Protein backbone atom coordinates (compact mmCIF):
# COMPACT_ATOMS: atom_id res chain seq x y z
CA UNK A 1 141.94 128.19 132.77
CA UNK A 2 144.14 128.72 129.72
CA UNK A 3 141.15 128.12 127.45
CA UNK A 4 139.11 130.74 129.36
CA UNK A 5 141.96 133.24 129.04
CA UNK A 6 142.27 132.50 125.34
CA UNK A 7 138.53 133.03 124.83
CA UNK A 8 138.52 136.29 126.79
CA UNK A 9 141.54 137.52 124.82
CA UNK A 10 139.84 136.62 121.56
CA UNK A 11 136.70 138.55 122.56
CA UNK A 12 138.33 141.58 124.20
CA UNK A 13 141.10 142.17 121.69
CA UNK A 14 138.83 143.18 118.76
CA UNK A 15 137.05 145.68 121.02
CA UNK A 16 140.38 147.14 122.17
CA UNK A 17 141.59 147.44 118.58
CA UNK A 18 138.37 149.22 117.54
CA UNK A 19 138.80 151.69 120.41
CA UNK A 20 142.35 152.47 119.27
CA UNK A 21 141.04 152.94 115.74
CA UNK A 22 138.34 155.31 116.98
CA UNK A 23 140.97 157.42 118.75
CA UNK A 24 142.86 157.74 115.48
CA UNK A 25 139.60 158.54 113.71
CA UNK A 26 138.95 161.32 116.23
CA UNK A 27 142.23 162.95 115.21
CA UNK A 28 141.21 162.73 111.54
CA UNK A 29 137.80 164.26 112.33
CA UNK A 30 139.45 167.18 114.11
CA UNK A 31 141.79 167.70 111.16
CA UNK A 32 138.87 168.09 108.73
CA UNK A 33 137.10 170.44 111.15
CA UNK A 34 134.38 168.12 112.39
CA UNK A 35 132.94 167.61 115.86
CA UNK A 36 134.15 164.30 117.26
CA UNK A 37 131.17 163.60 119.52
CA UNK A 38 128.57 164.55 116.90
CA UNK A 39 130.36 162.56 114.21
CA UNK A 40 130.63 159.43 116.30
CA UNK A 41 127.02 159.84 117.42
CA UNK A 42 125.97 159.77 113.75
CA UNK A 43 128.24 156.79 113.17
CA UNK A 44 126.58 154.96 116.04
CA UNK A 45 123.13 155.82 114.68
CA UNK A 46 124.14 154.59 111.23
CA UNK A 47 125.14 151.22 112.69
CA UNK A 48 122.80 150.72 115.67
CA UNK A 49 120.50 153.77 115.73
CA UNK A 50 117.30 151.80 115.23
CA UNK A 51 116.23 148.25 114.52
CA UNK A 52 116.49 148.74 110.75
CA UNK A 53 120.10 149.96 110.92
CA UNK A 54 120.97 147.29 113.48
CA UNK A 55 119.72 144.48 111.25
CA UNK A 56 121.55 146.02 108.28
CA UNK A 57 124.77 145.88 110.28
CA UNK A 58 124.18 142.22 111.16
CA UNK A 59 123.37 141.46 107.52
CA UNK A 60 126.63 143.06 106.38
CA UNK A 61 128.55 141.13 109.04
CA UNK A 62 127.22 137.75 107.83
CA UNK A 63 129.64 137.15 104.92
CA UNK A 64 132.47 138.72 106.95
CA UNK A 65 131.88 136.22 109.77
CA UNK A 66 131.84 133.22 107.45
CA UNK A 67 134.89 134.30 105.43
CA UNK A 68 136.72 135.14 108.66
CA UNK A 69 135.94 131.75 110.19
CA UNK A 70 137.40 130.00 107.16
CA UNK A 71 140.57 132.04 107.32
CA UNK A 72 140.76 131.53 111.11
CA UNK A 73 140.69 127.75 110.78
CA UNK A 74 143.44 127.76 108.15
CA UNK A 75 145.53 130.16 110.24
CA UNK A 76 145.05 127.94 113.28
CA UNK A 77 146.59 125.10 111.33
CA UNK A 78 149.50 127.29 110.27
CA UNK A 79 148.40 127.73 106.65
CA UNK A 80 147.91 131.17 105.13
CA UNK A 81 144.75 130.98 103.07
CA UNK A 82 144.53 134.41 101.45
CA UNK A 83 142.14 133.22 98.76
CA UNK A 84 138.83 133.80 100.54
CA UNK A 85 137.79 136.37 97.94
CA UNK A 86 138.09 133.96 95.02
CA UNK A 87 136.46 131.18 97.03
CA UNK A 88 133.54 133.49 97.84
CA UNK A 89 133.11 134.41 94.18
CA UNK A 90 133.07 130.82 92.95
CA UNK A 91 130.77 129.87 95.81
CA UNK A 92 128.36 132.65 94.89
CA UNK A 93 128.50 131.83 91.17
CA UNK A 94 127.92 128.11 91.78
CA UNK A 95 125.02 128.86 94.12
CA UNK A 96 123.43 131.20 91.56
CA UNK A 97 123.71 128.73 88.67
CA UNK A 98 122.39 125.88 90.81
CA UNK A 99 119.46 128.00 91.96
CA UNK A 100 118.67 128.99 88.38
CA UNK A 101 118.93 125.66 86.59
CA UNK A 102 118.31 122.87 89.11
CA UNK A 103 114.66 121.73 89.04
CA UNK A 104 112.75 120.98 92.20
CA UNK A 105 110.89 122.63 95.07
CA UNK A 106 112.28 125.91 96.39
CA UNK A 107 113.55 124.59 99.73
CA UNK A 108 115.39 121.74 98.03
CA UNK A 109 116.99 123.99 95.41
CA UNK A 110 118.02 126.48 98.13
CA UNK A 111 119.80 123.76 100.11
CA UNK A 112 121.40 122.37 96.94
CA UNK A 113 122.62 125.86 96.00
CA UNK A 114 124.18 126.32 99.43
CA UNK A 115 125.90 122.94 99.16
CA UNK A 116 127.13 123.84 95.66
CA UNK A 117 128.62 127.08 97.02
CA UNK A 118 130.38 125.22 99.83
CA UNK A 119 131.77 122.61 97.42
CA UNK A 120 132.99 125.21 94.92
CA UNK A 121 134.82 127.21 97.59
CA UNK A 122 136.25 124.08 99.19
CA UNK A 123 137.50 122.61 95.92
CA UNK A 124 139.11 125.90 94.87
CA UNK A 125 140.82 126.17 98.24
CA UNK A 126 142.03 122.57 98.39
CA UNK A 127 143.44 122.99 94.87
CA UNK A 128 145.91 125.49 96.33
CA UNK A 129 146.72 122.96 99.06
CA UNK A 130 147.35 120.31 96.43
CA UNK A 131 149.77 122.63 94.60
CA UNK A 132 151.65 123.03 97.87
CA UNK A 133 151.72 119.29 98.59
CA UNK A 134 152.53 118.19 95.04
CA UNK A 135 154.88 120.90 93.78
CA UNK A 136 155.90 122.79 96.92
CA UNK A 137 154.26 126.00 95.70
CA UNK A 138 153.93 128.63 98.43
CA UNK A 139 150.37 128.58 99.76
CA UNK A 140 150.27 132.31 100.46
CA UNK A 141 151.19 133.16 96.87
CA UNK A 142 148.98 130.57 95.17
CA UNK A 143 145.85 131.52 97.14
CA UNK A 144 146.41 135.19 96.35
CA UNK A 145 146.91 134.55 92.64
CA UNK A 146 143.97 132.16 92.43
CA UNK A 147 141.77 135.07 93.51
CA UNK A 148 142.37 136.78 90.16
CA UNK A 149 141.53 133.65 88.20
CA UNK A 150 138.26 133.30 90.10
CA UNK A 151 137.40 136.99 89.66
CA UNK A 152 137.94 136.99 85.90
CA UNK A 153 136.33 133.58 85.43
CA UNK A 154 133.23 134.72 87.31
CA UNK A 155 133.15 137.93 85.28
CA UNK A 156 133.37 136.00 82.02
CA UNK A 157 130.61 133.56 82.99
CA UNK A 158 128.10 136.34 83.69
CA UNK A 159 129.22 138.51 80.78
CA UNK A 160 128.72 135.83 78.11
CA UNK A 161 127.25 132.33 78.62
CA UNK A 162 125.02 133.05 81.66
CA UNK A 163 124.38 136.76 81.21
CA UNK A 164 120.90 138.11 81.89
CA UNK A 165 119.66 139.17 78.44
CA UNK A 166 116.39 140.63 79.70
CA UNK A 167 117.83 143.53 81.70
CA UNK A 168 120.32 146.27 81.02
CA UNK A 169 122.96 145.23 78.49
CA UNK A 170 125.57 147.07 80.53
CA UNK A 171 125.18 144.82 83.58
CA UNK A 172 127.17 141.60 83.78
CA UNK A 173 124.90 139.45 85.91
CA UNK A 174 122.84 136.26 85.95
CA UNK A 175 119.06 136.32 85.70
CA UNK A 176 117.09 136.84 88.91
CA UNK A 177 116.70 133.75 91.11
CA UNK A 178 113.17 132.56 91.76
CA UNK A 179 111.83 133.94 95.04
CA UNK A 180 111.02 130.44 96.31
CA UNK A 181 114.78 129.75 96.47
CA UNK A 182 115.72 132.85 98.45
CA UNK A 183 117.01 132.49 101.99
CA UNK A 184 114.16 133.52 104.31
CA UNK A 185 114.26 136.91 106.02
CA UNK A 186 114.42 136.88 109.81
CA UNK A 187 112.25 139.99 110.05
CA UNK A 188 109.67 141.28 107.62
CA UNK A 189 110.93 144.22 105.56
CA UNK A 190 114.50 143.93 106.88
CA UNK A 191 117.67 142.89 105.08
CA UNK A 192 118.75 140.35 107.70
CA UNK A 193 118.30 136.80 106.43
CA UNK A 194 118.80 133.25 107.71
CA UNK A 195 122.44 133.35 106.65
CA UNK A 196 123.22 135.24 109.86
CA UNK A 197 121.92 132.33 111.94
CA UNK A 198 124.03 129.98 109.82
CA UNK A 199 127.11 132.18 110.44
CA UNK A 200 126.61 132.20 114.23
CA UNK A 201 126.05 128.43 114.30
CA UNK A 202 129.19 128.01 112.17
CA UNK A 203 131.22 130.07 114.65
CA UNK A 204 130.05 127.87 117.53
CA UNK A 205 130.72 124.68 115.57
CA UNK A 206 134.22 125.78 114.53
CA UNK A 207 134.98 126.64 118.18
CA UNK A 208 133.72 123.22 119.26
CA UNK A 209 135.64 121.49 116.49
CA UNK A 210 138.97 123.19 117.25
CA UNK A 211 138.71 122.90 121.04
CA UNK A 212 136.75 119.71 121.70
CA UNK A 213 137.86 117.19 119.07
CA UNK A 214 141.08 115.29 118.49
CA UNK A 215 141.37 116.56 114.92
CA UNK A 216 140.87 120.12 116.12
CA UNK A 217 143.62 119.64 118.70
CA UNK A 218 145.93 118.34 115.97
CA UNK A 219 145.14 121.38 113.82
CA UNK A 220 145.95 123.77 116.67
CA UNK A 221 149.10 121.85 117.55
CA UNK A 222 150.29 121.92 113.94
CA UNK A 223 149.79 125.68 113.81
CA UNK A 224 151.45 126.45 117.14
CA UNK A 225 154.33 123.96 117.08
CA UNK A 226 154.81 122.18 113.73
CA UNK A 227 157.92 120.27 114.80
CA UNK A 228 156.30 118.85 117.91
CA UNK A 229 153.11 118.02 115.97
CA UNK A 230 155.10 116.15 113.30
CA UNK A 231 157.04 114.30 116.01
CA UNK A 232 153.73 113.37 117.63
CA UNK A 233 152.44 111.77 114.43
CA UNK A 234 150.33 114.60 112.99
CA UNK A 235 150.39 114.35 109.21
CA UNK A 236 150.91 117.81 107.78
CA UNK A 237 149.52 117.21 104.30
CA UNK A 238 146.35 115.57 105.61
CA UNK A 239 145.74 118.41 108.06
CA UNK A 240 146.48 120.99 105.36
CA UNK A 241 143.97 119.47 102.96
CA UNK A 242 141.32 119.19 105.67
CA UNK A 243 141.76 122.74 106.97
CA UNK A 244 141.90 124.20 103.46
CA UNK A 245 138.74 122.44 102.26
CA UNK A 246 136.81 123.59 105.36
CA UNK A 247 138.28 127.07 105.06
CA UNK A 248 137.32 127.40 101.41
CA UNK A 249 133.93 125.83 102.06
CA UNK A 250 133.09 128.50 104.62
CA UNK A 251 134.14 131.24 102.21
CA UNK A 252 132.03 129.61 99.50
CA UNK A 253 129.12 129.53 101.95
CA UNK A 254 129.60 133.27 102.48
CA UNK A 255 129.30 133.88 98.75
CA UNK A 256 126.26 131.61 98.46
CA UNK A 257 124.58 133.41 101.35
CA UNK A 258 125.03 136.79 99.70
CA UNK A 259 123.60 135.55 96.41
CA UNK A 260 120.62 133.71 97.95
CA UNK A 261 119.88 136.14 100.77
CA UNK A 262 120.80 139.62 99.55
CA UNK A 263 121.46 140.01 95.82
CA UNK A 264 119.24 137.18 94.43
CA UNK A 265 121.58 136.88 91.44
CA UNK A 266 125.33 136.80 90.83
CA UNK A 267 126.48 140.29 89.90
CA UNK A 268 130.02 140.70 88.58
CA UNK A 269 132.23 142.58 91.03
CA UNK A 270 129.67 142.81 93.83
CA UNK A 271 131.43 140.41 96.21
CA UNK A 272 134.94 141.73 95.57
CA UNK A 273 134.05 145.45 95.64
CA UNK A 274 132.43 145.08 99.07
CA UNK A 275 135.72 143.66 100.46
CA UNK A 276 133.92 141.03 102.53
CA UNK A 277 136.84 138.61 102.29
CA UNK A 278 139.48 141.13 103.30
CA UNK A 279 137.30 142.34 106.17
CA UNK A 280 137.03 138.69 107.23
CA UNK A 281 140.80 138.36 107.22
CA UNK A 282 141.02 141.54 109.31
CA UNK A 283 138.47 140.15 111.78
CA UNK A 284 140.48 136.93 112.05
CA UNK A 285 143.71 138.76 112.73
CA UNK A 286 142.08 141.06 115.29
CA UNK A 287 140.72 138.02 117.16
CA UNK A 288 143.95 136.02 116.80
CA UNK A 289 142.06 133.33 114.87
CA UNK A 290 139.64 132.63 117.72
CA UNK A 291 136.28 131.60 116.15
CA UNK A 292 134.01 133.41 118.60
CA UNK A 293 136.28 136.44 118.67
CA UNK A 294 136.25 136.47 114.87
CA UNK A 295 132.45 136.70 114.89
CA UNK A 296 132.58 139.62 117.35
CA UNK A 297 135.27 141.38 115.34
CA UNK A 298 133.29 140.87 112.12
CA UNK A 299 130.20 142.54 113.64
CA UNK A 300 132.33 145.45 114.87
CA UNK A 301 133.92 145.91 111.44
CA UNK A 302 130.51 145.75 109.77
CA UNK A 303 129.26 148.37 112.24
CA UNK A 304 132.22 150.56 111.38
CA UNK A 305 131.37 150.32 107.67
CA UNK A 306 127.62 150.90 107.96
CA UNK A 307 128.20 153.61 110.58
CA UNK A 308 130.62 155.43 108.27
CA UNK A 309 127.91 155.58 105.61
CA UNK A 310 125.49 157.14 108.09
CA UNK A 311 128.19 159.56 109.21
CA UNK A 312 128.76 160.77 105.66
CA UNK A 313 125.02 161.21 105.06
CA UNK A 314 124.42 163.38 108.11
CA UNK A 315 127.69 165.28 108.66
CA UNK A 316 130.32 167.09 106.62
CA UNK A 317 132.93 164.50 107.60
CA UNK A 318 133.94 162.37 104.58
CA UNK A 319 133.53 158.61 104.38
CA UNK A 320 137.32 158.24 104.26
CA UNK A 321 137.46 158.69 108.05
CA UNK A 322 136.21 155.11 108.24
CA UNK A 323 139.13 154.10 106.03
CA UNK A 324 141.50 155.87 108.42
CA UNK A 325 140.13 153.81 111.30
CA UNK A 326 140.53 150.58 109.33
CA UNK A 327 144.07 151.56 108.36
CA UNK A 328 144.93 152.01 112.04
CA UNK A 329 143.45 148.58 112.71
CA UNK A 330 145.75 147.18 110.04
CA UNK A 331 148.74 148.81 111.73
CA UNK A 332 147.58 147.45 115.09
CA UNK A 333 147.40 143.93 113.71
CA UNK A 334 150.75 144.27 111.91
CA UNK A 335 152.44 145.49 115.09
CA UNK A 336 150.91 142.63 117.04
CA UNK A 337 152.07 140.02 114.55
CA UNK A 338 155.54 141.56 114.42
CA UNK A 339 155.78 141.59 118.22
CA UNK A 340 154.68 137.94 118.43
CA UNK A 341 157.22 136.96 115.78
CA UNK A 342 160.09 138.74 117.53
CA UNK A 343 159.06 137.29 120.89
CA UNK A 344 158.96 133.77 119.48
CA UNK A 345 162.34 134.28 117.82
CA UNK A 346 163.85 135.55 121.07
CA UNK A 347 162.50 132.51 122.94
CA UNK A 348 164.03 130.15 120.37
CA UNK A 349 167.42 131.86 120.74
CA UNK A 350 167.26 131.68 124.53
CA UNK A 351 166.30 128.00 124.42
CA UNK A 352 169.17 127.26 122.01
CA UNK A 353 171.61 129.10 124.28
CA UNK A 354 170.40 127.11 127.27
CA UNK A 355 170.95 123.84 125.46
């Protein structure tokens, strides 16, 4: 029963948060002199108006789902992995270089490139975990700072040693990947590729792992009650390393999927400017780190982003209204986290007083 309630909460909460954000967006639309119903109708059309827009929304949600799942697993274990952006970049770069320089048939190189992306993201993430275990460096700070190293390293690699010399000299990017290595499209002429199927399967597997396995139970226990978990024999460092390597691997997979399924090369700044990682973190927080809820929240956030583009094209309402809605979502999440923290602190005080 508790598991059913948790699942329902994880699925309903993102929808509730989006509705609150839309109410705030309606106020912003009225302020700029727009019609709320017409504006939101255009936003809906931009996200789900026809099959083409619908598949575009799902394609945009793919890296958000994968990055969000990685963050959700780390959060479940009680570790704040804020380095999904850097892990995505190194995953995408590794996938691109593997796809370009590894010989073999297309299907084999595609799989090897995906594996390379997963390994790169996982190693970069577990490096932050090692810094915590070895030197006691705060995981939140190290993962944030490692993002910048990954961003500038990726930029350097495609600006100098692996730069495409055949195209525009102004573009820092790798050469185009051979079409035989691309992730297959799910529908002819559409942007949605097989990475979306991988993301949905990953969400189901992460849910199964965290709720149906002993290791998953230990991860959840460590995140919810560290003292009890340690008393029960759960080894913190082992769980941290495991959760961080899976978390980073999923973010690396997100970067590899974008390179192999959408961009077909690694382009400097493309993964960071799209804010896939930060949208994934937002989806995780909205769903309270529930894997299936994270996938739902990621699709809703992607719809908000693609819908805002359609809204700007067909109305006089600026694109920034979408940013207003996302800002309200951030406030919603912050208020929720603050309330949970204060509630937990109050319970600890009451328990101490009782003793």
